[in-house]
N, C-alpha and C. Protein backbone atom coordinates (compact mmCIF):
# COMPACT_ATOMS: atom_id res chain seq x y z
N MET A 1 87.68 88.36 145.57
CA MET A 1 87.47 90.02 146.46
C MET A 1 88.46 90.82 145.78
N ALA A 2 89.97 90.68 145.72
CA ALA A 2 90.87 91.39 145.21
C ALA A 2 90.36 92.15 143.81
N ALA A 3 90.12 91.02 142.96
CA ALA A 3 89.75 91.55 141.70
C ALA A 3 88.64 92.58 141.74
N ALA A 4 87.63 92.32 142.56
CA ALA A 4 86.14 92.91 142.34
C ALA A 4 86.87 94.66 143.11
N LEU A 5 87.83 94.43 144.36
CA LEU A 5 88.47 95.83 144.76
C LEU A 5 89.07 96.72 143.74
N CYS A 6 89.82 95.83 142.81
CA CYS A 6 90.70 96.53 141.94
C CYS A 6 89.80 97.48 140.78
N ALA A 7 88.69 96.39 140.66
CA ALA A 7 87.70 96.63 139.25
C ALA A 7 87.26 98.06 139.91
N SER A 8 86.69 97.91 140.99
CA SER A 8 85.89 99.43 141.60
C SER A 8 86.85 100.43 141.80
N ALA A 9 88.17 100.22 142.28
CA ALA A 9 89.10 101.51 142.16
C ALA A 9 89.24 102.13 140.63
N LEU A 10 89.43 100.84 140.12
CA LEU A 10 89.77 101.19 138.33
C LEU A 10 88.66 102.21 137.73
N PHE A 11 87.11 101.44 137.91
CA PHE A 11 86.00 102.01 137.17
C PHE A 11 85.19 102.73 138.11
N GLY A 12 85.34 103.13 139.07
CA GLY A 12 84.60 104.10 140.06
C GLY A 12 85.00 105.22 139.83
N SER A 13 83.82 106.34 140.50
CA SER A 13 84.21 107.73 139.90
C SER A 13 84.93 108.30 141.00
N GLY A 14 85.40 109.63 140.71
CA GLY A 14 85.79 110.58 141.61
C GLY A 14 85.30 111.79 141.87
N CYS A 15 86.20 112.51 142.65
CA CYS A 15 85.81 113.98 142.07
C CYS A 15 87.25 114.90 141.78
N VAL A 16 87.19 115.85 141.10
CA VAL A 16 88.45 116.66 140.71
C VAL A 16 88.01 118.01 141.26
N SER A 17 88.56 118.93 141.79
CA SER A 17 88.46 120.09 141.89
C SER A 17 88.67 121.02 140.70
N THR A 18 87.96 122.11 140.58
CA THR A 18 87.80 122.71 139.54
C THR A 18 88.59 124.23 139.76
N ASN A 19 89.11 124.99 139.15
CA ASN A 19 89.64 126.26 139.04
C ASN A 19 88.37 127.38 139.55
N ASN A 20 87.45 127.17 139.47
CA ASN A 20 86.38 128.27 140.24
C ASN A 20 85.71 127.63 141.72
N GLY A 21 86.35 126.67 142.15
CA GLY A 21 85.98 126.40 143.18
C GLY A 21 85.06 125.26 143.66
N GLY A 22 84.79 124.79 142.72
CA GLY A 22 83.72 123.73 142.57
C GLY A 22 84.37 122.29 142.42
N SER A 23 83.75 121.32 142.14
CA SER A 23 83.57 119.96 141.75
C SER A 23 83.30 119.58 140.71
N THR A 24 83.89 118.43 140.06
CA THR A 24 83.35 117.93 139.17
C THR A 24 83.90 116.45 138.80
N VAL A 25 82.92 115.54 138.82
CA VAL A 25 83.27 114.06 138.11
C VAL A 25 84.61 114.09 137.30
N GLY A 26 85.52 112.70 137.83
CA GLY A 26 86.61 112.74 137.06
C GLY A 26 87.80 111.85 137.46
N TRP A 27 88.70 111.66 137.11
CA TRP A 27 89.71 110.71 137.44
C TRP A 27 90.78 111.92 137.82
N PRO A 28 91.39 111.75 139.37
CA PRO A 28 91.97 112.64 139.87
C PRO A 28 93.68 112.00 139.55
N ILE A 29 94.01 111.39 138.45
CA ILE A 29 95.22 110.63 138.00
C ILE A 29 96.32 111.69 137.82
N ARG A 30 95.98 112.59 136.78
CA ARG A 30 97.04 113.20 136.02
C ARG A 30 96.53 114.69 136.22
N ASP A 31 97.69 115.48 135.91
CA ASP A 31 97.56 117.29 136.15
C ASP A 31 96.71 117.59 134.80
N ASP A 32 95.86 118.27 135.10
CA ASP A 32 94.76 118.82 133.90
C ASP A 32 94.97 120.17 134.02
N THR A 33 95.86 121.00 134.64
CA THR A 33 95.40 122.51 134.63
C THR A 33 97.16 123.03 134.27
N ILE A 34 96.83 124.15 133.42
CA ILE A 34 97.93 124.87 132.96
C ILE A 34 97.83 126.35 133.49
N GLN A 35 99.28 126.82 134.10
CA GLN A 35 99.06 128.11 134.69
C GLN A 35 100.08 129.05 133.87
N ALA A 36 99.50 129.94 133.42
CA ALA A 36 100.48 130.98 132.88
C ALA A 36 100.64 131.97 133.31
N ARG A 37 101.30 132.83 133.32
CA ARG A 37 101.83 134.64 133.84
C ARG A 37 102.11 135.47 132.93
N TYR A 38 101.63 136.73 132.98
CA TYR A 38 101.61 137.65 131.75
C TYR A 38 102.06 138.55 132.74
N GLU A 39 102.69 139.69 131.87
CA GLU A 39 102.78 141.29 132.65
C GLU A 39 101.75 142.20 131.69
N ARG A 40 100.67 141.68 132.41
CA ARG A 40 99.45 142.54 131.81
C ARG A 40 98.35 142.75 133.13
N SER A 41 97.93 143.53 133.11
CA SER A 41 96.86 143.73 134.04
C SER A 41 95.59 142.56 134.22
N VAL A 42 94.93 142.59 135.72
CA VAL A 42 94.15 141.69 135.72
C VAL A 42 92.58 141.66 134.75
N ASP A 43 92.33 143.03 134.36
CA ASP A 43 91.56 143.42 133.46
C ASP A 43 91.94 143.33 132.12
N GLN A 44 92.93 143.18 131.77
CA GLN A 44 93.42 143.15 130.16
C GLN A 44 93.19 141.61 130.03
N VAL A 45 93.85 140.77 130.86
CA VAL A 45 93.68 139.44 130.62
C VAL A 45 92.02 138.57 130.77
N VAL A 46 91.25 139.29 131.63
CA VAL A 46 90.12 138.75 131.76
C VAL A 46 89.43 139.26 130.24
N LYS A 47 89.38 140.34 129.78
CA LYS A 47 88.93 140.47 128.28
C LYS A 47 89.56 139.52 127.31
N ALA A 48 90.85 139.25 127.16
CA ALA A 48 91.69 138.53 126.50
C ALA A 48 90.76 136.98 126.89
N ALA A 49 90.91 136.47 128.11
CA ALA A 49 90.19 135.09 128.27
C ALA A 49 88.90 135.02 127.53
N ARG A 50 87.94 136.04 128.01
CA ARG A 50 86.72 135.98 127.73
C ARG A 50 86.28 136.07 126.06
N PHE A 51 87.31 136.90 125.47
CA PHE A 51 87.45 136.91 124.05
C PHE A 51 87.60 135.31 123.32
N VAL A 52 88.79 134.54 123.87
CA VAL A 52 89.23 133.38 123.34
C VAL A 52 88.25 132.23 123.49
N LEU A 53 87.49 132.32 124.54
CA LEU A 53 86.40 131.35 125.15
C LEU A 53 85.09 131.55 124.51
N ASN A 54 84.75 132.83 123.98
CA ASN A 54 83.49 132.91 123.00
C ASN A 54 84.01 132.80 121.76
N GLN A 55 85.07 132.71 121.50
CA GLN A 55 85.46 132.54 120.13
C GLN A 55 85.74 130.91 120.19
N ASN A 56 85.90 130.20 120.69
CA ASN A 56 86.04 129.06 120.50
C ASN A 56 85.08 127.72 121.27
N GLY A 57 84.19 128.57 121.63
CA GLY A 57 82.94 127.74 121.95
C GLY A 57 81.99 128.79 122.78
N LYS A 58 81.01 127.92 123.81
CA LYS A 58 80.19 128.80 124.69
C LYS A 58 80.45 129.09 126.11
N LEU A 59 80.32 130.53 126.37
CA LEU A 59 80.77 130.61 127.48
C LEU A 59 79.32 130.93 128.31
N LEU A 60 79.83 129.66 129.39
CA LEU A 60 78.56 129.49 130.51
C LEU A 60 78.54 130.20 131.63
N VAL A 61 79.59 130.70 132.37
CA VAL A 61 79.39 131.36 133.37
C VAL A 61 80.88 132.41 133.16
N ASP A 62 80.28 133.76 133.56
CA ASP A 62 81.27 134.89 133.60
C ASP A 62 81.25 135.47 134.84
N ASN A 63 82.31 134.73 135.70
CA ASN A 63 82.01 135.58 137.35
C ASN A 63 82.89 136.50 136.97
N VAL A 64 82.65 137.89 137.17
CA VAL A 64 83.25 139.11 137.32
C VAL A 64 83.50 139.27 138.89
N VAL A 65 83.26 138.82 139.80
CA VAL A 65 83.68 139.01 141.03
C VAL A 65 84.82 138.56 141.41
N ASP A 66 84.73 137.12 141.22
CA ASP A 66 86.41 136.29 141.26
C ASP A 66 86.95 135.88 139.90
N ASN A 67 86.57 136.77 139.02
CA ASN A 67 87.54 136.77 137.81
C ASN A 67 87.55 135.11 137.29
N THR A 68 86.57 134.04 137.18
CA THR A 68 86.43 132.62 136.73
C THR A 68 85.39 132.97 135.57
N PHE A 69 85.92 131.89 134.73
CA PHE A 69 84.67 131.31 133.90
C PHE A 69 84.51 129.77 133.71
N LYS A 70 83.33 129.80 132.97
CA LYS A 70 83.33 128.29 132.65
C LYS A 70 82.62 128.47 131.33
N ALA A 71 83.15 127.36 130.52
CA ALA A 71 82.62 127.16 128.99
C ALA A 71 82.77 126.09 128.87
N LYS A 72 82.10 125.90 127.36
CA LYS A 72 81.85 124.60 126.78
C LYS A 72 82.48 124.59 125.43
N ILE A 73 83.65 123.75 125.03
CA ILE A 73 84.56 123.82 124.03
C ILE A 73 84.78 122.21 123.17
N ASN A 74 84.11 121.72 122.29
CA ASN A 74 84.80 120.50 121.44
C ASN A 74 83.83 119.42 122.73
N GLU A 75 83.21 119.93 123.35
CA GLU A 75 82.59 118.82 124.21
C GLU A 75 83.25 118.50 125.53
N ARG A 76 84.15 119.43 125.69
CA ARG A 76 84.83 119.80 127.32
C ARG A 76 84.54 120.66 127.87
N THR A 77 84.43 120.65 129.46
CA THR A 77 84.00 121.77 129.91
C THR A 77 85.34 122.46 130.28
N VAL A 78 85.22 123.75 130.32
CA VAL A 78 86.55 124.45 130.51
C VAL A 78 86.18 125.62 131.70
N TYR A 79 87.51 125.33 132.50
CA TYR A 79 87.41 126.49 134.09
C TYR A 79 88.50 127.41 133.64
N VAL A 80 88.31 128.71 133.61
CA VAL A 80 89.42 129.44 133.46
C VAL A 80 89.67 130.48 135.17
N ARG A 81 90.68 130.70 135.72
CA ARG A 81 90.67 131.75 136.74
C ARG A 81 92.06 132.63 136.48
N VAL A 82 91.43 133.74 136.43
CA VAL A 82 92.44 135.06 136.66
C VAL A 82 92.69 135.77 137.62
N SER A 83 94.15 135.48 138.30
CA SER A 83 94.12 136.06 139.45
C SER A 83 95.38 137.09 139.70
N LYS A 84 95.71 138.12 140.44
CA LYS A 84 96.96 138.96 140.15
C LYS A 84 97.55 138.35 141.10
N VAL A 85 99.13 138.20 140.65
CA VAL A 85 100.25 137.74 141.37
C VAL A 85 100.69 139.01 142.45
N ASP A 86 100.91 140.06 141.59
CA ASP A 86 101.26 141.48 142.24
C ASP A 86 100.95 142.40 141.01
N ASP A 87 101.68 143.70 141.26
CA ASP A 87 101.18 144.75 140.37
C ASP A 87 101.69 144.78 139.17
N LYS A 88 102.50 143.97 138.83
CA LYS A 88 102.43 143.75 137.46
C LYS A 88 102.30 142.30 136.42
N ILE A 89 102.15 141.60 137.48
CA ILE A 89 102.00 139.98 136.92
C ILE A 89 100.55 139.61 137.51
N THR A 90 100.08 138.92 136.19
CA THR A 90 98.20 138.25 136.42
C THR A 90 98.66 136.82 135.96
N GLN A 91 98.18 135.82 136.76
CA GLN A 91 98.01 134.35 136.27
C GLN A 91 96.99 134.08 135.84
N VAL A 92 97.12 133.06 134.92
CA VAL A 92 95.82 132.60 134.61
C VAL A 92 95.77 131.09 134.72
N GLU A 93 94.51 130.17 135.29
CA GLU A 93 94.65 128.79 135.33
C GLU A 93 93.59 128.45 134.35
N ILE A 94 94.00 127.59 133.42
CA ILE A 94 93.06 126.91 132.59
C ILE A 94 93.19 125.42 132.77
N GLN A 95 91.61 124.87 132.82
CA GLN A 95 91.57 123.38 133.04
C GLN A 95 90.48 123.29 132.31
N SER A 96 90.50 122.00 131.48
CA SER A 96 89.73 121.48 130.84
C SER A 96 89.35 119.96 131.21
N ARG A 97 87.89 119.73 131.04
CA ARG A 97 87.58 118.27 131.47
C ARG A 97 86.94 117.60 130.41
N THR A 98 87.13 116.41 130.16
CA THR A 98 86.51 115.47 129.52
C THR A 98 85.58 114.50 130.53
N ARG A 99 85.02 113.66 130.04
CA ARG A 99 84.35 112.72 130.96
C ARG A 99 85.45 111.84 131.60
N LEU A 100 86.63 111.47 130.76
CA LEU A 100 87.39 110.69 131.39
C LEU A 100 88.82 111.34 131.97
N GLY A 101 88.94 112.53 132.06
CA GLY A 101 89.99 113.25 132.17
C GLY A 101 90.15 114.49 131.72
N GLY A 102 91.66 115.13 132.39
CA GLY A 102 91.84 116.49 131.39
C GLY A 102 92.18 116.43 130.07
N ASP A 103 92.42 117.61 129.55
CA ASP A 103 92.63 117.78 127.95
C ASP A 103 93.41 118.73 128.20
N LEU A 104 95.24 118.59 128.33
CA LEU A 104 96.26 119.64 128.47
C LEU A 104 96.37 120.05 127.07
N HIS A 105 96.08 119.40 126.07
CA HIS A 105 96.10 120.13 124.60
C HIS A 105 95.10 121.08 124.14
N LEU A 106 94.12 121.08 124.77
CA LEU A 106 93.06 122.13 124.76
C LEU A 106 93.36 123.56 125.78
N ASP A 107 94.10 122.71 126.76
CA ASP A 107 94.56 123.88 127.90
C ASP A 107 95.74 124.97 127.04
N ALA A 108 96.73 124.19 126.47
CA ALA A 108 97.69 124.83 125.88
C ALA A 108 97.27 125.76 125.06
N GLU A 109 96.53 124.96 123.76
CA GLU A 109 95.86 125.85 122.74
C GLU A 109 94.96 127.06 123.34
N LEU A 110 94.04 127.12 124.46
CA LEU A 110 93.78 128.43 124.82
C LEU A 110 95.01 128.89 125.69
N ASP A 111 95.88 128.84 125.87
CA ASP A 111 96.72 129.73 126.73
C ASP A 111 97.65 130.37 125.53
N LYS A 112 97.87 129.60 124.55
CA LYS A 112 98.74 130.22 123.33
C LYS A 112 97.38 131.35 122.59
N GLN A 113 96.25 131.07 122.62
CA GLN A 113 95.54 132.06 121.81
C GLN A 113 95.44 133.36 122.85
N ILE A 114 95.19 132.84 124.35
CA ILE A 114 95.07 134.50 124.91
C ILE A 114 96.13 134.93 125.11
N ALA A 115 97.80 134.54 125.10
CA ALA A 115 98.92 135.18 124.54
C ALA A 115 99.05 136.00 123.89
N ILE A 116 98.60 135.25 122.30
CA ILE A 116 98.47 136.02 121.23
C ILE A 116 97.30 137.29 121.23
N ARG A 117 96.28 136.73 121.96
CA ARG A 117 95.17 138.20 122.14
C ARG A 117 95.89 139.19 122.92
N LEU A 118 96.81 139.07 123.81
CA LEU A 118 97.13 139.81 124.61
C LEU A 118 98.31 140.70 124.03
N ALA A 119 98.87 140.00 123.11
CA ALA A 119 100.10 140.80 122.12
C ALA A 119 99.57 141.51 121.11
N VAL A 120 98.27 141.35 120.60
CA VAL A 120 97.92 142.30 119.45
C VAL A 120 96.73 143.11 119.99
N THR A 121 96.50 143.50 121.36
CA THR A 121 95.79 144.35 121.81
C THR A 121 96.70 145.39 122.73
N PRO A 122 96.32 146.51 122.77
CA PRO A 122 97.47 147.35 123.63
C PRO A 122 96.80 147.66 125.00
């Protein structure tokens, strides 16, 4: 009985919240989101995030109302949310999901590319 319960817990599915307010199947075992803050306007960060997602994969959802994105990159589903912290600071949350969990390496790479894009555009 205990072995069956343990196996069920190990191989059972769970739900993970996404940055765009939805949920997806996944293992909520470890952190899967990177947050970054930039001293840029929301509009500038949205444009940079949109550019980076289009360059790396296929942009599936571009929600201009709440500044959220969903993309497919290297067989991973990527969720990005851009939000205003204050008059000068904008926050980006990047969450990449595989079937088994998050991909922090892809999150970090996308964050780096957004930062570079912001640095090279006025």
